[in-house]
Amino acid sequence: MTNALELKIPPPVVVLGVAGLMGVIARVTPSLAAPLSARVAAAAALAVVGLGIALAGIRAFRRANTTTHPFAPERSSALVTSGVYAVTDRRAAEHSA
């Protein structure tokens, strides 16, 4: 059984929507009084962590010999529940079963 919103909104569209929302929030809220170097360091650290999580997810899919394509679930050959997905998707998989 599929969820009503499953695969209806492409991930790049979601990213653009979130980016737009971030821009609106940045314009209507006060700015942080942190030095530029501290903000750049925090942004770089978050980017490295995010990239690491994304690469770990791709690695888990490749180890399971299954597709990472979100619009072709019929091409998947395994349910990945190890690696980063042991933490992030386990509760969702348990609730949808």
Protein backbone atom coordinates (compact mmCIF):
# COMPACT_ATOMS: atom_id res chain seq x y z
CA MET A 1 0.00 0.00 0.00
CA THR A 2 1.44 3.37 -0.98
CA ASN A 3 1.19 6.65 0.84
CA ALA A 4 -0.83 9.39 -0.92
CA LEU A 5 2.21 11.71 -1.21
CA GLU A 6 4.76 8.99 -1.94
CA LEU A 7 6.85 9.90 -5.01
CA LYS A 8 4.47 12.73 -5.99
CA ILE A 9 6.82 15.64 -5.26
CA PRO A 10 10.31 15.21 -6.75
CA PRO A 11 13.13 15.72 -4.21
CA PRO A 12 14.66 18.66 -6.18
CA VAL A 13 11.33 20.49 -5.96
CA VAL A 14 11.25 19.88 -2.20
CA VAL A 15 14.81 21.26 -1.94
CA LEU A 16 13.86 24.40 -3.87
CA GLY A 17 10.78 24.90 -1.70
CA VAL A 18 12.77 24.54 1.50
CA ALA A 19 15.45 26.91 0.16
CA GLY A 20 12.79 29.50 -0.63
CA LEU A 21 11.30 29.14 2.83
CA MET A 22 14.77 29.57 4.34
CA GLY A 23 15.20 32.81 2.37
CA VAL A 24 11.88 34.18 3.64
CA ILE A 25 12.70 33.25 7.24
CA ALA A 26 16.16 34.87 6.93
CA ARG A 27 14.57 38.14 5.79
CA VAL A 28 11.93 38.36 8.52
CA THR A 29 13.99 37.27 11.54
CA PRO A 30 16.87 39.07 13.24
CA SER A 31 20.38 38.00 12.26
CA LEU A 32 22.80 36.28 14.59
CA ALA A 33 25.58 38.45 15.96
CA ALA A 34 28.25 35.83 15.31
CA PRO A 35 31.51 36.54 13.49
CA LEU A 36 31.59 35.55 9.84
CA SER A 37 34.37 33.02 10.46
CA ALA A 38 32.26 31.22 13.10
CA ARG A 39 29.26 31.09 10.78
CA VAL A 40 31.37 29.79 7.89
CA ALA A 41 32.95 27.13 10.15
CA ALA A 42 29.52 26.01 11.40
CA ALA A 43 28.14 25.87 7.86
CA ALA A 44 31.16 23.88 6.65
CA ALA A 45 30.86 21.43 9.54
CA LEU A 46 27.16 20.87 8.84
CA ALA A 47 27.86 20.43 5.12
CA VAL A 48 30.54 17.80 5.84
CA VAL A 49 28.21 15.91 8.21
CA GLY A 50 25.37 16.04 5.69
CA LEU A 51 27.58 14.86 2.85
CA GLY A 52 28.86 12.01 5.03
CA ILE A 53 25.33 10.86 5.82
CA ALA A 54 24.32 11.06 2.14
CA LEU A 55 27.36 9.07 1.03
CA ALA A 56 26.77 6.49 3.76
CA GLY A 57 23.22 6.04 2.46
CA ILE A 58 24.39 5.57 -1.12
CA ARG A 59 27.03 3.11 0.09
CA ALA A 60 24.39 1.08 1.95
CA PHE A 61 22.26 0.85 -1.20
CA ARG A 62 25.24 -0.18 -3.32
CA ARG A 63 26.24 -2.88 -0.80
CA ALA A 64 22.69 -4.25 -0.99
CA ASN A 65 22.88 -4.21 -4.83
CA THR A 66 19.71 -2.17 -5.15
CA THR A 67 18.72 1.06 -6.86
CA THR A 68 18.92 4.52 -5.33
CA HIS A 69 16.42 5.91 -7.87
CA PRO A 70 13.42 7.29 -5.90
CA PHE A 71 11.01 7.13 -8.86
CA ALA A 72 11.60 3.46 -9.67
CA PRO A 73 10.73 1.48 -6.55
CA GLU A 74 9.87 -1.52 -8.73
CA ARG A 75 13.59 -1.77 -9.64
CA SER A 76 14.61 -2.23 -6.00
CA SER A 77 15.87 -5.64 -5.05
CA ALA A 78 16.27 -5.22 -1.29
CA LEU A 79 15.02 -3.26 1.68
CA VAL A 80 18.06 -1.51 3.16
CA THR A 81 17.88 -1.51 6.97
CA SER A 82 21.59 -1.39 7.79
CA GLY A 83 24.07 1.45 8.07
CA VAL A 84 22.47 4.86 8.41
CA TYR A 85 19.09 3.30 7.66
CA ALA A 86 19.30 1.21 10.82
CA VAL A 87 18.70 4.49 12.65
CA THR A 88 16.70 6.65 10.24
CA ASP A 89 14.21 4.32 8.53
CA ARG A 90 13.61 1.50 10.98
CA ARG A 91 10.78 3.25 12.87
CA ALA A 92 9.10 4.30 9.61
CA ALA A 93 9.34 0.75 8.23
CA GLU A 94 7.87 -0.70 11.43
CA HIS A 95 4.94 1.72 11.36
CA SER A 96 4.13 1.12 7.70
CA ALA A 97 4.12 -2.69 8.00
